[in-house]
Amino acid sequence: MSSISESPFILDVLGERCPMPVQRIRKALKKLPQGSILQVLGDDPESLHDIPVLISRLGMSPATVKPIDSGWLFEIIV
């Protein structure tokens, strides 16, 4: 089950599969203030393609992707 924290904004979608991570990211981005950073923890291999495509379609700067023990950490500037 995903969750989003407050300050810093962290969205945990570990264990969720396509299309849920992208849907949850889109919903979170709508709620966050301009200039904030959303960190997304995920492990769905499809996310390595789907999240950058979402960010591009929204006209945002590319996300930074870092490997972590359980998957990936995406940092998205809102």
PDB file of N, CA and C in Angstrom:
ATOM      1  N   MET A   1       0.847  -1.176   0.000  1.00  0.00           N
ATOM      2  CA  MET A   1       0.000   0.000   0.000  1.00  0.00           C
ATOM      3  C   MET A   1       0.894   1.241   0.000  1.00  0.00           C
ATOM      4  N   SER A   2       0.587   2.203  -0.809  1.00  0.00           N
ATOM      5  CA  SER A   2       1.423   3.398  -0.903  1.00  0.00           C
ATOM      6  C   SER A   2       1.032   4.405   0.161  1.00  0.00           C
ATOM      7  N   SER A   3       1.987   5.281   0.421  1.00  0.00           N
ATOM      8  CA  SER A   3       1.728   6.361   1.361  1.00  0.00           C
ATOM      9  C   SER A   3       2.563   7.557   0.931  1.00  0.00           C
ATOM     10  N   ILE A   4       2.160   8.738   1.373  1.00  0.00           N
ATOM     11  CA  ILE A   4       2.945   9.944   1.114  1.00  0.00           C
ATOM     12  C   ILE A   4       3.170  10.645   2.440  1.00  0.00           C
ATOM     13  N   SER A   5       4.415  11.033   2.670  1.00  0.00           N
ATOM     14  CA  SER A   5       4.761  11.709   3.911  1.00  0.00           C
ATOM     15  C   SER A   5       4.656  13.213   3.709  1.00  0.00           C
ATOM     16  N   GLU A   6       4.947  13.943   4.761  1.00  0.00           N
ATOM     17  CA  GLU A   6       5.014  15.396   4.662  1.00  0.00           C
ATOM     18  C   GLU A   6       6.439  15.823   4.974  1.00  0.00           C
ATOM     19  N   SER A   7       6.962  16.734   4.215  1.00  0.00           N
ATOM     20  CA  SER A   7       8.231  17.421   4.399  1.00  0.00           C
ATOM     21  C   SER A   7       9.349  16.561   4.980  1.00  0.00           C
ATOM     22  N   PRO A   8      10.226  15.943   4.208  1.00  0.00           N
ATOM     23  CA  PRO A   8      10.195  15.982   2.745  1.00  0.00           C
ATOM     24  C   PRO A   8       9.058  15.120   2.214  1.00  0.00           C
ATOM     25  N   PHE A   9       8.668  15.385   0.996  1.00  0.00           N
ATOM     26  CA  PHE A   9       7.562  14.646   0.403  1.00  0.00           C
ATOM     27  C   PHE A   9       8.094  13.329  -0.157  1.00  0.00           C
ATOM     28  N   ILE A  10       7.691  12.232   0.453  1.00  0.00           N
ATOM     29  CA  ILE A  10       8.137  10.902   0.036  1.00  0.00           C
ATOM     30  C   ILE A  10       6.908  10.063  -0.272  1.00  0.00           C
ATOM     31  N   LEU A  11       6.890   9.510  -1.472  1.00  0.00           N
ATOM     32  CA  LEU A  11       5.801   8.634  -1.884  1.00  0.00           C
ATOM     33  C   LEU A  11       6.362   7.222  -1.995  1.00  0.00           C
ATOM     34  N   ASP A  12       5.860   6.313  -1.186  1.00  0.00           N
ATOM     35  CA  ASP A  12       6.329   4.929  -1.162  1.00  0.00           C
ATOM     36  C   ASP A  12       5.363   4.066  -1.969  1.00  0.00           C
ATOM     37  N   VAL A  13       5.826   3.607  -3.132  1.00  0.00           N
ATOM     38  CA  VAL A  13       5.018   2.722  -3.973  1.00  0.00           C
ATOM     39  C   VAL A  13       5.712   1.372  -4.142  1.00  0.00           C
ATOM     40  N   LEU A  14       6.574   1.029  -3.188  1.00  0.00           N
ATOM     41  CA  LEU A  14       7.248  -0.272  -3.228  1.00  0.00           C
ATOM     42  C   LEU A  14       6.209  -1.386  -3.222  1.00  0.00           C
ATOM     43  N   GLY A  15       6.393  -2.347  -4.100  1.00  0.00           N
ATOM     44  CA  GLY A  15       5.478  -3.476  -4.179  1.00  0.00           C
ATOM     45  C   GLY A  15       4.276  -3.248  -5.081  1.00  0.00           C
ATOM     46  N   GLU A  16       4.083  -2.028  -5.550  1.00  0.00           N
ATOM     47  CA  GLU A  16       2.961  -1.735  -6.442  1.00  0.00           C
ATOM     48  C   GLU A  16       3.408  -1.872  -7.885  1.00  0.00           C
ATOM     49  N   ARG A  17       2.517  -2.346  -8.719  1.00  0.00           N
ATOM     50  CA  ARG A  17       2.832  -2.578 -10.129  1.00  0.00           C
ATOM     51  C   ARG A  17       2.028  -1.646 -11.017  1.00  0.00           C
ATOM     52  N   CYS A  18       2.525  -1.478 -12.228  1.00  0.00           N
ATOM     53  CA  CYS A  18       1.916  -0.652 -13.254  1.00  0.00           C
ATOM     54  C   CYS A  18       0.427  -0.989 -13.363  1.00  0.00           C
ATOM     55  N   PRO A  19      -0.402   0.027 -13.410  1.00  0.00           N
ATOM     56  CA  PRO A  19      -0.154   1.462 -13.572  1.00  0.00           C
ATOM     57  C   PRO A  19      -0.194   2.244 -12.256  1.00  0.00           C
ATOM     58  N   MET A  20      -0.270   1.568 -11.125  1.00  0.00           N
ATOM     59  CA  MET A  20      -0.478   2.246  -9.848  1.00  0.00           C
ATOM     60  C   MET A  20       0.597   3.281  -9.494  1.00  0.00           C
ATOM     61  N   PRO A  21       1.902   2.981  -9.627  1.00  0.00           N
ATOM     62  CA  PRO A  21       2.889   4.012  -9.267  1.00  0.00           C
ATOM     63  C   PRO A  21       2.695   5.322 -10.033  1.00  0.00           C
ATOM     64  N   VAL A  22       2.457   5.240 -11.326  1.00  0.00           N
ATOM     65  CA  VAL A  22       2.274   6.450 -12.138  1.00  0.00           C
ATOM     66  C   VAL A  22       1.005   7.192 -11.714  1.00  0.00           C
ATOM     67  N   GLN A  23      -0.053   6.477 -11.453  1.00  0.00           N
ATOM     68  CA  GLN A  23      -1.297   7.116 -11.019  1.00  0.00           C
ATOM     69  C   GLN A  23      -1.114   7.836  -9.690  1.00  0.00           C
ATOM     70  N   ARG A  24      -0.405   7.213  -8.765  1.00  0.00           N
ATOM     71  CA  ARG A  24      -0.187   7.816  -7.448  1.00  0.00           C
ATOM     72  C   ARG A  24       0.750   9.028  -7.535  1.00  0.00           C
ATOM     73  N   ILE A  25       1.743   8.958  -8.424  1.00  0.00           N
ATOM     74  CA  ILE A  25       2.643  10.089  -8.621  1.00  0.00           C
ATOM     75  C   ILE A  25       1.871  11.271  -9.198  1.00  0.00           C
ATOM     76  N   ARG A  26       1.071  11.010 -10.212  1.00  0.00           N
ATOM     77  CA  ARG A  26       0.280  12.082 -10.839  1.00  0.00           C
ATOM     78  C   ARG A  26      -0.606  12.762  -9.791  1.00  0.00           C
ATOM     79  N   LYS A  27      -1.261  11.982  -8.955  1.00  0.00           N
ATOM     80  CA  LYS A  27      -2.141  12.519  -7.917  1.00  0.00           C
ATOM     81  C   LYS A  27      -1.345  13.338  -6.898  1.00  0.00           C
ATOM     82  N   ALA A  28      -0.177  12.835  -6.498  1.00  0.00           N
ATOM     83  CA  ALA A  28       0.658  13.544  -5.520  1.00  0.00           C
ATOM     84  C   ALA A  28       1.159  14.863  -6.087  1.00  0.00           C
ATOM     85  N   LEU A  29       1.569  14.868  -7.360  1.00  0.00           N
ATOM     86  CA  LEU A  29       2.098  16.089  -7.972  1.00  0.00           C
ATOM     87  C   LEU A  29       1.073  17.214  -7.984  1.00  0.00           C
ATOM     88  N   LYS A  30      -0.182  16.874  -8.124  1.00  0.00           N
ATOM     89  CA  LYS A  30      -1.245  17.884  -8.133  1.00  0.00           C
ATOM     90  C   LYS A  30      -1.395  18.567  -6.780  1.00  0.00           C
ATOM     91  N   LYS A  31      -1.005  17.879  -5.709  1.00  0.00           N
ATOM     92  CA  LYS A  31      -1.189  18.393  -4.350  1.00  0.00           C
ATOM     93  C   LYS A  31       0.017  19.171  -3.827  1.00  0.00           C
ATOM     94  N   LEU A  32       1.174  19.015  -4.461  1.00  0.00           N
ATOM     95  CA  LEU A  32       2.397  19.595  -3.921  1.00  0.00           C
ATOM     96  C   LEU A  32       2.636  21.008  -4.426  1.00  0.00           C
ATOM     97  N   PRO A  33       3.231  21.853  -3.576  1.00  0.00           N
ATOM     98  CA  PRO A  33       3.522  23.221  -3.997  1.00  0.00           C
ATOM     99  C   PRO A  33       4.648  23.278  -5.031  1.00  0.00           C
ATOM    100  N   GLN A  34       4.568  24.279  -5.893  1.00  0.00           N
ATOM    101  CA  GLN A  34       5.588  24.506  -6.917  1.00  0.00           C
ATOM    102  C   GLN A  34       6.957  24.624  -6.256  1.00  0.00           C
ATOM    103  N   GLY A  35       7.966  23.977  -6.839  1.00  0.00           N
ATOM    104  CA  GLY A  35       9.332  24.056  -6.328  1.00  0.00           C
ATOM    105  C   GLY A  35       9.673  22.998  -5.300  1.00  0.00           C
ATOM    106  N   SER A  36       8.691  22.235  -4.853  1.00  0.00           N
ATOM    107  CA  SER A  36       8.981  21.183  -3.876  1.00  0.00           C
ATOM    108  C   SER A  36       9.578  19.969  -4.582  1.00  0.00           C
ATOM    109  N   ILE A  37      10.102  19.056  -3.793  1.00  0.00           N
ATOM    110  CA  ILE A  37      10.696  17.837  -4.337  1.00  0.00           C
ATOM    111  C   ILE A  37       9.889  16.643  -3.852  1.00  0.00           C
ATOM    112  N   LEU A  38       9.515  15.799  -4.792  1.00  0.00           N
ATOM    113  CA  LEU A  38       8.826  14.550  -4.482  1.00  0.00           C
ATOM    114  C   LEU A  38       9.818  13.421  -4.669  1.00  0.00           C
ATOM    115  N   GLN A  39      10.042  12.659  -3.621  1.00  0.00           N
ATOM    116  CA  GLN A  39      10.881  11.475  -3.706  1.00  0.00           C
ATOM    117  C   GLN A  39       9.965  10.264  -3.764  1.00  0.00           C
ATOM    118  N   VAL A  40      10.188   9.418  -4.757  1.00  0.00           N
ATOM    119  CA  VAL A  40       9.350   8.245  -4.954  1.00  0.00           C
ATOM    120  C   VAL A  40      10.201   6.995  -4.787  1.00  0.00           C
ATOM    121  N   LEU A  41       9.788   6.125  -3.867  1.00  0.00           N
ATOM    122  CA  LEU A  41      10.444   4.843  -3.674  1.00  0.00           C
ATOM    123  C   LEU A  41       9.648   3.803  -4.438  1.00  0.00           C
ATOM    124  N   GLY A  42      10.293   3.120  -5.371  1.00  0.00           N
ATOM    125  CA  GLY A  42       9.583   2.128  -6.167  1.00  0.00           C
ATOM    126  C   GLY A  42      10.464   0.957  -6.545  1.00  0.00           C
ATOM    127  N   ASP A  43       9.833  -0.136  -6.945  1.00  0.00           N
ATOM    128  CA  ASP A  43      10.584  -1.312  -7.362  1.00  0.00           C
ATOM    129  C   ASP A  43      10.006  -1.988  -8.606  1.00  0.00           C
ATOM    130  N   ASP A  44       9.017  -1.379  -9.221  1.00  0.00           N
ATOM    131  CA  ASP A  44       8.436  -1.932 -10.442  1.00  0.00           C
ATOM    132  C   ASP A  44       9.363  -1.594 -11.616  1.00  0.00           C
ATOM    133  N   PRO A  45       9.915  -2.607 -12.302  1.00  0.00           N
ATOM    134  CA  PRO A  45      10.815  -2.330 -13.428  1.00  0.00           C
ATOM    135  C   PRO A  45      10.197  -1.428 -14.494  1.00  0.00           C
ATOM    136  N   GLU A  46       8.895  -1.483 -14.681  1.00  0.00           N
ATOM    137  CA  GLU A  46       8.217  -0.634 -15.656  1.00  0.00           C
ATOM    138  C   GLU A  46       8.344   0.850 -15.294  1.00  0.00           C
ATOM    139  N   SER A  47       8.520   1.135 -14.004  1.00  0.00           N
ATOM    140  CA  SER A  47       8.640   2.518 -13.551  1.00  0.00           C
ATOM    141  C   SER A  47       9.859   3.217 -14.133  1.00  0.00           C
ATOM    142  N   LEU A  48      10.896   2.462 -14.433  1.00  0.00           N
ATOM    143  CA  LEU A  48      12.099   3.061 -15.009  1.00  0.00           C
ATOM    144  C   LEU A  48      11.800   3.697 -16.369  1.00  0.00           C
ATOM    145  N   HIS A  49      10.758   3.243 -17.017  1.00  0.00           N
ATOM    146  CA  HIS A  49      10.312   3.828 -18.284  1.00  0.00           C
ATOM    147  C   HIS A  49       9.124   4.762 -18.060  1.00  0.00           C
ATOM    148  N   ASP A  50       8.146   4.297 -17.294  1.00  0.00           N
ATOM    149  CA  ASP A  50       6.872   5.001 -17.161  1.00  0.00           C
ATOM    150  C   ASP A  50       6.981   6.345 -16.438  1.00  0.00           C
ATOM    151  N   ILE A  51       7.781   6.427 -15.383  1.00  0.00           N
ATOM    152  CA  ILE A  51       7.884   7.678 -14.623  1.00  0.00           C
ATOM    153  C   ILE A  51       8.551   8.767 -15.459  1.00  0.00           C
ATOM    154  N   PRO A  52       9.686   8.494 -16.117  1.00  0.00           N
ATOM    155  CA  PRO A  52      10.254   9.540 -16.985  1.00  0.00           C
ATOM    156  C   PRO A  52       9.295   9.991 -18.095  1.00  0.00           C
ATOM    157  N   VAL A  53       8.508   9.080 -18.651  1.00  0.00           N
ATOM    158  CA  VAL A  53       7.540   9.455 -19.681  1.00  0.00           C
ATOM    159  C   VAL A  53       6.470  10.376 -19.088  1.00  0.00           C
ATOM    160  N   LEU A  54       5.966  10.041 -17.911  1.00  0.00           N
ATOM    161  CA  LEU A  54       4.976  10.894 -17.241  1.00  0.00           C
ATOM    162  C   LEU A  54       5.535  12.292 -17.010  1.00  0.00           C
ATOM    163  N   ILE A  55       6.723  12.361 -16.468  1.00  0.00           N
ATOM    164  CA  ILE A  55       7.344  13.651 -16.156  1.00  0.00           C
ATOM    165  C   ILE A  55       7.522  14.476 -17.432  1.00  0.00           C
ATOM    166  N   SER A  56       7.933  13.839 -18.492  1.00  0.00           N
ATOM    167  CA  SER A  56       8.108  14.524 -19.779  1.00  0.00           C
ATOM    168  C   SER A  56       6.774  15.045 -20.295  1.00  0.00           C
ATOM    169  N   ARG A  57       5.737  14.221 -20.232  1.00  0.00           N
ATOM    170  CA  ARG A  57       4.409  14.633 -20.705  1.00  0.00           C
ATOM    171  C   ARG A  57       3.848  15.806 -19.917  1.00  0.00           C
ATOM    172  N   LEU A  58       4.242  15.897 -18.658  1.00  0.00           N
ATOM    173  CA  LEU A  58       3.773  16.998 -17.808  1.00  0.00           C
ATOM    174  C   LEU A  58       4.626  18.254 -17.993  1.00  0.00           C
ATOM    175  N   GLY A  59       5.674  18.169 -18.828  1.00  0.00           N
ATOM    176  CA  GLY A  59       6.522  19.322 -19.102  1.00  0.00           C
ATOM    177  C   GLY A  59       7.459  19.676 -17.967  1.00  0.00           C
ATOM    178  N   MET A  60       7.769  18.705 -17.133  1.00  0.00           N
ATOM    179  CA  MET A  60       8.629  18.936 -15.976  1.00  0.00           C
ATOM    180  C   MET A  60      10.068  18.526 -16.290  1.00  0.00           C
ATOM    181  N   SER A  61      10.994  18.976 -15.451  1.00  0.00           N
ATOM    182  CA  SER A  61      12.394  18.577 -15.589  1.00  0.00           C
ATOM    183  C   SER A  61      12.509  17.073 -15.343  1.00  0.00           C
ATOM    184  N   PRO A  62      13.446  16.405 -16.030  1.00  0.00           N
ATOM    185  CA  PRO A  62      13.604  14.966 -15.839  1.00  0.00           C
ATOM    186  C   PRO A  62      13.870  14.615 -14.369  1.00  0.00           C
ATOM    187  N   ALA A  63      13.346  13.472 -13.958  1.00  0.00           N
ATOM    188  CA  ALA A  63      13.564  12.988 -12.599  1.00  0.00           C
ATOM    189  C   ALA A  63      14.977  12.438 -12.472  1.00  0.00           C
ATOM    190  N   THR A  64      15.532  12.558 -11.280  1.00  0.00           N
ATOM    191  CA  THR A  64      16.793  11.913 -10.953  1.00  0.00           C
ATOM    192  C   THR A  64      16.461  10.529 -10.429  1.00  0.00           C
ATOM    193  N   VAL A  65      17.196   9.511 -10.897  1.00  0.00           N
ATOM    194  CA  VAL A  65      16.931   8.141 -10.477  1.00  0.00           C
ATOM    195  C   VAL A  65      18.188   7.588  -9.819  1.00  0.00           C
ATOM    196  N   LYS A  66      18.008   7.049  -8.600  1.00  0.00           N
ATOM    197  CA  LYS A  66      19.127   6.460  -7.865  1.00  0.00           C
ATOM    198  C   LYS A  66      18.743   5.052  -7.434  1.00  0.00           C
ATOM    199  N   PRO A  67      19.635   4.079  -7.643  1.00  0.00           N
ATOM    200  CA  PRO A  67      19.329   2.737  -7.147  1.00  0.00           C
ATOM    201  C   PRO A  67      19.392   2.707  -5.612  1.00  0.00           C
ATOM    202  N   ILE A  68      18.474   1.962  -5.016  1.00  0.00           N
ATOM    203  CA  ILE A  68      18.490   1.706  -3.574  1.00  0.00           C
ATOM    204  C   ILE A  68      18.368   0.202  -3.397  1.00  0.00           C
ATOM    205  N   ASP A  69      18.566  -0.284  -2.183  1.00  0.00           N
ATOM    206  CA  ASP A  69      18.552  -1.723  -1.931  1.00  0.00           C
ATOM    207  C   ASP A  69      17.287  -2.414  -2.425  1.00  0.00           C
ATOM    208  N   SER A  70      16.156  -1.758  -2.251  1.00  0.00           N
ATOM    209  CA  SER A  70      14.882  -2.398  -2.579  1.00  0.00           C
ATOM    210  C   SER A  70      14.326  -1.999  -3.945  1.00  0.00           C
ATOM    211  N   GLY A  71      15.046  -1.164  -4.709  1.00  0.00           N
ATOM    212  CA  GLY A  71      14.535  -0.727  -6.013  1.00  0.00           C
ATOM    213  C   GLY A  71      15.188   0.560  -6.453  1.00  0.00           C
ATOM    214  N   TRP A  72      14.360   1.634  -6.574  1.00  0.00           N
ATOM    215  CA  TRP A  72      14.856   2.924  -7.054  1.00  0.00           C
ATOM    216  C   TRP A  72      14.247   4.056  -6.254  1.00  0.00           C
ATOM    217  N   LEU A  73      14.995   5.164  -6.225  1.00  0.00           N
ATOM    218  CA  LEU A  73      14.511   6.410  -5.651  1.00  0.00           C
ATOM    219  C   LEU A  73      14.479   7.427  -6.779  1.00  0.00           C
ATOM    220  N   PHE A  74      13.303   7.923  -7.086  1.00  0.00           N
ATOM    221  CA  PHE A  74      13.127   8.963  -8.090  1.00  0.00           C
ATOM    222  C   PHE A  74      12.960  10.276  -7.360  1.00  0.00           C
ATOM    223  N   GLU A  75      13.681  11.306  -7.781  1.00  0.00           N
ATOM    224  CA  GLU A  75      13.498  12.637  -7.221  1.00  0.00           C
ATOM    225  C   GLU A  75      12.932  13.521  -8.319  1.00  0.00           C
ATOM    226  N   ILE A  76      11.760  14.054  -8.051  1.00  0.00           N
ATOM    227  CA  ILE A  76      11.030  14.863  -9.030  1.00  0.00           C
ATOM    228  C   ILE A  76      10.863  16.266  -8.474  1.00  0.00           C
ATOM    229  N   ILE A  77      11.309  17.267  -9.225  1.00  0.00           N
ATOM    230  CA  ILE A  77      11.119  18.659  -8.824  1.00  0.00           C
ATOM    231  C   ILE A  77       9.779  19.115  -9.382  1.00  0.00           C
ATOM    232  N   VAL A  78       8.907  19.546  -8.504  1.00  0.00           N
ATOM    233  CA  VAL A  78       7.557  19.944  -8.900  1.00  0.00           C
ATOM    234  C   VAL A  78       7.568  21.336  -9.508  1.00  0.00           C
TER     235      VAL A  78
END
